[in-house]
N, C-alpha and C. Protein backbone atom coordinates (compact mmCIF):
# COMPACT_ATOMS: atom_id res chain seq x y z
N MET A 1 174.66 37.53 -7.20
CA MET A 1 174.72 36.55 -7.90
C MET A 1 176.12 36.96 -8.40
N SER A 2 177.07 36.32 -7.93
CA SER A 2 178.59 36.89 -8.63
C SER A 2 179.09 35.94 -9.26
N TYR A 3 179.35 36.06 -11.04
CA TYR A 3 179.88 35.65 -11.76
C TYR A 3 181.52 36.21 -11.64
N ARG A 4 182.41 34.99 -12.16
CA ARG A 4 183.62 35.74 -12.58
C ARG A 4 184.33 34.77 -14.24
N GLN A 5 185.02 35.31 -14.74
CA GLN A 5 185.64 35.33 -16.07
C GLN A 5 186.74 34.08 -15.93
N VAL A 6 186.68 32.78 -16.76
CA VAL A 6 187.28 32.26 -16.79
C VAL A 6 188.16 31.56 -17.75
N TYR A 7 189.50 31.86 -17.63
CA TYR A 7 190.36 32.05 -18.38
C TYR A 7 191.07 30.54 -18.58
N ASP A 8 191.24 29.89 -19.86
CA ASP A 8 192.16 28.82 -20.19
C ASP A 8 192.94 29.03 -21.47
N GLN A 9 193.79 28.66 -21.89
CA GLN A 9 194.47 28.08 -23.30
C GLN A 9 194.25 26.58 -23.76
N ARG A 10 193.62 26.14 -24.26
CA ARG A 10 193.44 24.93 -24.73
C ARG A 10 193.35 24.59 -26.37
N PHE A 11 193.90 23.80 -26.75
CA PHE A 11 193.69 23.20 -28.31
C PHE A 11 192.17 23.05 -28.63
N CYS A 12 192.00 24.47 -29.94
CA CYS A 12 190.87 23.82 -30.66
C CYS A 12 190.65 23.18 -31.76
N GLU A 13 189.60 22.18 -31.93
CA GLU A 13 189.86 21.31 -33.01
C GLU A 13 189.21 21.87 -33.97
N ASN A 14 188.61 22.80 -33.91
CA ASN A 14 187.65 23.84 -35.03
C ASN A 14 188.87 24.41 -35.45
N CYS A 15 189.81 25.64 -34.67
CA CYS A 15 190.37 25.95 -35.90
C CYS A 15 191.65 25.41 -35.64
N GLY A 16 192.07 24.58 -35.06
CA GLY A 16 192.96 23.44 -35.58
C GLY A 16 194.39 24.02 -35.31
N LYS A 17 194.44 25.29 -33.89
CA LYS A 17 195.29 25.40 -32.99
C LYS A 17 195.46 25.86 -31.73
N PRO A 18 196.19 26.05 -30.70
CA PRO A 18 196.04 26.43 -29.37
C PRO A 18 195.25 27.72 -29.56
N THR A 19 194.48 27.92 -28.51
CA THR A 19 193.58 29.22 -28.50
C THR A 19 193.29 29.62 -27.36
N LEU A 20 192.42 30.47 -27.18
CA LEU A 20 192.34 31.41 -25.78
C LEU A 20 190.89 31.25 -25.44
N HIS A 21 190.59 30.19 -24.81
CA HIS A 21 189.03 29.98 -23.91
C HIS A 21 188.50 30.40 -23.04
N VAL A 22 187.20 31.07 -23.36
CA VAL A 22 187.03 32.31 -22.25
C VAL A 22 185.43 31.72 -21.36
N GLY A 23 184.52 31.71 -20.24
CA GLY A 23 183.53 31.17 -20.07
C GLY A 23 183.37 32.37 -18.78
N GLN A 24 182.28 31.98 -18.04
CA GLN A 24 181.78 32.28 -17.11
C GLN A 24 181.49 31.49 -15.76
N LYS A 25 182.35 31.72 -14.66
CA LYS A 25 181.26 30.68 -13.62
C LYS A 25 180.92 31.10 -12.21
N TYR A 26 179.84 30.52 -12.08
CA TYR A 26 179.33 31.53 -10.70
C TYR A 26 179.72 30.77 -9.49
N GLN A 27 179.96 32.01 -8.80
CA GLN A 27 180.59 31.99 -7.58
C GLN A 27 179.57 31.75 -6.36
N VAL A 28 179.56 30.43 -5.29
CA VAL A 28 178.11 30.81 -4.39
C VAL A 28 178.85 31.73 -3.28
N PRO A 29 178.02 32.82 -2.87
CA PRO A 29 178.29 33.93 -1.58
C PRO A 29 178.88 32.88 0.01
N LEU A 30 179.53 32.12 0.17
CA LEU A 30 179.80 31.44 1.04
C LEU A 30 179.90 32.45 2.46
N LEU A 31 180.61 33.27 2.33
CA LEU A 31 180.73 34.24 3.48
C LEU A 31 179.27 34.86 3.66
N GLY A 32 178.42 35.50 2.93
CA GLY A 32 177.19 35.89 3.26
C GLY A 32 176.80 34.83 4.10
N TYR A 33 176.40 33.86 3.79
CA TYR A 33 175.96 32.39 4.35
C TYR A 33 176.15 32.20 5.42
N PHE A 34 177.57 32.30 5.99
CA PHE A 34 178.41 32.51 7.15
C PHE A 34 177.82 33.30 7.36
N ILE A 35 177.61 34.26 7.27
CA ILE A 35 177.56 35.60 8.49
C ILE A 35 176.11 35.54 8.85
N VAL A 36 175.19 35.12 8.21
CA VAL A 36 173.55 34.82 8.48
C VAL A 36 173.78 33.75 9.09
N ALA A 37 174.09 32.99 8.66
CA ALA A 37 173.90 31.70 10.03
C ALA A 37 174.41 32.08 11.33
N VAL A 38 175.68 32.54 11.20
CA VAL A 38 176.11 33.06 13.04
C VAL A 38 175.52 33.93 13.25
N LEU A 39 174.78 34.81 12.59
CA LEU A 39 174.21 35.81 13.31
C LEU A 39 172.49 35.25 13.55
N VAL A 40 171.64 34.67 12.92
CA VAL A 40 170.62 33.54 13.21
C VAL A 40 170.80 32.33 14.30
N GLY A 41 172.51 31.91 14.43
CA GLY A 41 172.48 31.13 15.00
C GLY A 41 172.58 31.62 16.49
N ILE A 42 173.25 33.28 16.91
CA ILE A 42 173.15 33.42 18.19
C ILE A 42 171.74 33.39 19.17
N PHE A 43 171.00 33.71 17.73
CA PHE A 43 169.19 33.89 18.23
C PHE A 43 169.02 32.67 18.33
N THR A 44 168.64 31.45 17.99
CA THR A 44 168.46 30.37 18.04
C THR A 44 169.24 28.95 18.56
N PHE A 45 170.01 29.74 19.20
CA PHE A 45 170.83 29.00 19.89
C PHE A 45 171.80 27.62 18.74
N GLY A 46 171.89 28.28 17.99
CA GLY A 46 172.68 26.97 16.78
C GLY A 46 171.89 26.14 16.12
N ILE A 47 170.67 25.60 16.10
CA ILE A 47 169.59 25.48 15.18
C ILE A 47 169.77 26.30 13.73
N GLY A 48 169.64 27.43 14.03
CA GLY A 48 169.80 28.03 12.73
C GLY A 48 170.60 27.95 11.61
N PHE A 49 172.24 27.70 13.07
CA PHE A 49 173.21 27.86 11.98
C PHE A 49 173.73 27.28 11.40
N ILE A 50 172.89 25.23 12.06
CA ILE A 50 172.58 24.33 11.12
C ILE A 50 171.97 24.40 10.19
N LEU A 51 171.01 24.97 10.29
CA LEU A 51 170.26 24.99 8.92
C LEU A 51 170.31 25.67 7.51
N ILE A 52 170.66 26.84 8.22
CA ILE A 52 171.23 28.18 7.19
C ILE A 52 172.88 27.07 6.82
N MET A 53 173.36 26.77 7.17
CA MET A 53 174.85 25.74 6.74
C MET A 53 174.54 24.67 5.81
N GLY A 54 173.50 24.40 6.14
CA GLY A 54 172.79 23.03 5.48
C GLY A 54 172.23 23.65 4.19
N LEU A 55 171.73 24.80 3.83
CA LEU A 55 171.31 25.30 2.93
C LEU A 55 173.02 25.67 1.91
N ALA A 56 173.36 25.95 2.58
CA ALA A 56 174.66 26.77 2.02
C ALA A 56 175.51 25.60 1.28
N ILE A 57 175.39 23.96 1.61
CA ILE A 57 175.93 22.87 1.37
C ILE A 57 175.50 22.71 0.31
N LEU A 58 173.77 22.95 0.25
CA LEU A 58 173.02 22.49 -0.78
C LEU A 58 172.94 23.10 -1.98
N HIS A 59 173.01 24.88 -1.91
CA HIS A 59 173.63 25.44 -2.90
C HIS A 59 174.82 25.32 -3.25
N LEU A 60 176.05 24.98 -3.11
CA LEU A 60 177.13 24.31 -3.71
C LEU A 60 176.65 23.13 -4.23
N VAL A 61 176.00 21.72 -3.98
CA VAL A 61 176.18 21.21 -4.84
C VAL A 61 175.33 21.10 -5.79
N ALA A 62 174.61 21.81 -5.51
CA ALA A 62 173.67 22.64 -6.56
C ALA A 62 173.71 22.99 -7.91
N ASN A 63 174.64 24.10 -7.78
CA ASN A 63 175.66 24.67 -8.39
C ASN A 63 176.76 23.86 -8.82
N GLY A 64 177.30 23.15 -8.37
CA GLY A 64 178.24 22.08 -9.15
C GLY A 64 177.31 20.39 -9.88
N ILE A 65 176.23 20.84 -9.99
CA ILE A 65 175.08 19.99 -10.83
C ILE A 65 175.11 20.47 -11.81
N SER A 66 174.87 21.69 -11.48
CA SER A 66 174.06 22.51 -12.86
C SER A 66 174.59 23.71 -13.51
N SER A 67 176.26 23.20 -13.16
CA SER A 67 176.53 24.83 -13.73
C SER A 67 177.90 23.95 -15.26
N GLY A 68 177.05 23.81 -15.88
CA GLY A 68 177.02 22.84 -17.21
C GLY A 68 177.67 23.94 -18.25
N LYS A 69 178.10 24.92 -17.98
CA LYS A 69 178.27 26.06 -19.10
C LYS A 69 180.03 26.16 -19.25
N GLU A 70 180.31 25.50 -20.38
CA GLU A 70 180.92 25.16 -20.84
C GLU A 70 182.10 26.63 -21.21
N ILE A 71 183.61 26.28 -20.99
CA ILE A 71 184.04 27.36 -21.55
C ILE A 71 184.36 27.60 -23.32
N ARG A 72 184.32 28.35 -23.78
CA ARG A 72 184.05 28.93 -25.48
C ARG A 72 185.29 29.12 -25.79
N CYS A 73 185.95 28.72 -27.16
CA CYS A 73 186.84 29.54 -27.97
C CYS A 73 186.81 30.84 -28.31
N SER A 74 187.55 32.00 -27.95
CA SER A 74 187.71 32.89 -27.79
C SER A 74 187.81 33.34 -29.62
N VAL A 75 187.99 32.19 -30.42
CA VAL A 75 188.12 32.72 -31.96
C VAL A 75 186.40 31.91 -32.79
N CYS A 76 186.34 30.94 -32.47
CA CYS A 76 185.26 30.43 -33.13
C CYS A 76 184.26 30.16 -32.38
N GLY A 77 184.03 30.44 -31.35
CA GLY A 77 182.90 30.32 -30.57
C GLY A 77 182.79 28.68 -30.10
N THR A 78 183.43 27.51 -30.45
CA THR A 78 182.92 26.61 -29.99
C THR A 78 183.35 25.83 -28.47
N ASN A 79 182.80 24.56 -28.16
CA ASN A 79 183.40 23.98 -27.12
C ASN A 79 184.57 23.37 -27.80
N PRO A 80 185.35 23.38 -26.43
CA PRO A 80 186.54 22.72 -26.55
C PRO A 80 186.24 20.95 -27.18
N GLY A 81 186.98 20.40 -28.00
CA GLY A 81 186.43 19.02 -28.08
C GLY A 81 185.58 18.34 -29.00
N VAL A 82 185.09 20.08 -29.74
CA VAL A 82 183.87 19.61 -30.52
C VAL A 82 184.83 19.97 -31.46
N LYS A 83 183.83 19.07 -32.66
CA LYS A 83 184.89 19.45 -34.03
C LYS A 83 183.40 20.00 -35.06
N GLN A 84 183.31 21.18 -35.16
CA GLN A 84 182.60 21.79 -36.17
C GLN A 84 182.93 22.19 -36.94
N LYS A 85 182.12 22.30 -38.31
CA LYS A 85 182.32 23.34 -39.70
C LYS A 85 182.93 24.76 -39.19
N PRO A 86 184.08 25.21 -39.75
CA PRO A 86 184.05 26.61 -39.00
C PRO A 86 183.00 27.50 -40.53
N ASP A 87 183.06 28.65 -39.19
CA ASP A 87 181.79 29.27 -39.98
C ASP A 87 182.84 30.69 -40.03
N LEU A 88 183.37 30.45 -41.73
CA LEU A 88 184.12 31.36 -42.19
C LEU A 88 183.56 32.77 -42.55
N GLU A 89 182.08 32.90 -42.38
CA GLU A 89 181.65 33.91 -42.36
C GLU A 89 182.34 35.25 -41.55
N LYS A 90 181.92 34.33 -40.64
CA LYS A 90 182.49 34.83 -38.82
C LYS A 90 183.98 35.19 -38.85
N LEU A 91 185.04 34.17 -38.89
CA LEU A 91 186.50 33.86 -38.81
C LEU A 91 186.66 34.91 -39.93
N PHE A 92 186.34 35.00 -41.10
CA PHE A 92 186.87 35.98 -41.99
C PHE A 92 185.67 36.90 -42.43
N PRO A 93 185.23 37.66 -42.02
CA PRO A 93 183.80 38.79 -42.68
C PRO A 93 184.59 39.61 -44.21
N ARG A 94 183.74 39.84 -44.43
CA ARG A 94 183.36 40.41 -46.51
C ARG A 94 183.36 41.73 -45.75
N LYS A 95 184.26 42.10 -46.39
CA LYS A 95 184.54 44.04 -46.75
C LYS A 95 183.30 44.12 -47.96
N PRO A 96 182.28 45.42 -47.26
CA PRO A 96 181.17 45.56 -48.29
C PRO A 96 182.42 46.58 -49.67
N GLN A 97 181.85 45.88 -50.43
CA GLN A 97 182.16 46.78 -51.58
C GLN A 97 181.07 47.48 -52.26
N PRO A 98 181.83 49.08 -51.95
CA PRO A 98 181.25 50.21 -52.94
C PRO A 98 180.48 50.06 -53.90
N LYS A 99 179.27 50.40 -54.20
CA LYS A 99 178.57 50.18 -55.22
C LYS A 99 179.16 51.48 -55.85
N GLN A 100 178.99 50.85 -57.12
CA GLN A 100 179.03 51.58 -58.41
C GLN A 100 178.30 52.53 -58.84
N PRO A 101 178.21 54.09 -59.19
CA PRO A 101 177.39 54.11 -59.58
C PRO A 101 176.99 53.81 -61.15
N GLU A 102 175.91 53.50 -61.53
CA GLU A 102 175.23 53.71 -62.73
C GLU A 102 175.80 54.44 -63.56
N PRO A 103 176.32 54.29 -64.92
CA PRO A 103 176.54 55.95 -66.03
C PRO A 103 175.11 56.30 -66.48
N VAL A 104 175.14 57.31 -66.50
CA VAL A 104 173.99 58.32 -66.45
C VAL A 104 174.03 58.20 -68.13
N LYS A 105 172.71 58.50 -68.87
CA LYS A 105 172.86 58.42 -69.95
C LYS A 105 171.73 60.08 -70.64
N VAL A 106 172.73 60.55 -70.98
CA VAL A 106 172.01 62.38 -71.51
C VAL A 106 172.31 62.07 -72.53
N LYS A 107 171.13 62.65 -73.16
CA LYS A 107 170.76 63.61 -74.27
C LYS A 107 171.35 64.74 -74.69
N VAL A 108 172.25 65.03 -75.60
CA VAL A 108 172.62 66.46 -75.42
C VAL A 108 172.14 66.66 -76.44
N GLN A 109 171.24 67.66 -77.02
CA GLN A 109 171.18 68.60 -77.90
C GLN A 109 171.79 69.11 -78.00
N PRO A 110 171.90 70.09 -79.74
CA PRO A 110 173.18 70.75 -79.61
C PRO A 110 172.04 72.19 -80.05
N THR A 111 172.39 73.19 -79.09
CA THR A 111 172.00 74.28 -79.68
C THR A 111 173.02 75.53 -80.96
N TYR A 112 171.91 76.21 -81.80
CA TYR A 112 172.42 77.22 -82.33
C TYR A 112 171.87 78.54 -81.73
N PRO A 113 172.57 79.10 -82.36
CA PRO A 113 172.53 81.08 -82.08
C PRO A 113 171.51 80.90 -83.02
N GLU A 114 170.61 82.16 -82.40
CA GLU A 114 169.46 82.27 -83.58
C GLU A 114 169.13 82.74 -84.31
N ASN A 115 170.58 83.77 -84.83
CA ASN A 115 170.95 84.20 -86.10
C ASN A 115 171.10 83.27 -87.20
N LEU A 116 171.51 81.90 -86.89
CA LEU A 116 171.63 81.12 -87.95
C LEU A 116 170.71 80.40 -88.20
N ARG A 117 169.22 79.90 -87.57
CA ARG A 117 168.47 79.35 -87.75
C ARG A 117 167.71 79.45 -88.97
């Protein structure tokens, strides 16, 4: 299977600005279908060519119907034209705060020289 990246600049309703939208699109291997159809068509006197090219057309139509993968905004991840509440954690991730060490309570016992006791 062959996929290619699709890039498009659109206005994102969620972000409120023009952003880059990215998606994937499936490409039907038409050259492969054609080569196989010609080779099979030679041995079957054209009947195999017609059948395999019919299969290629069916593959194109099915791909056109089922290719519902929309492109998404590269900033917020929503589909174009869809208004959603922005995920602020995704847009502006919080920096982890360094943990402050707890103060250590130490009991200090005075020590006296031996001769003063």
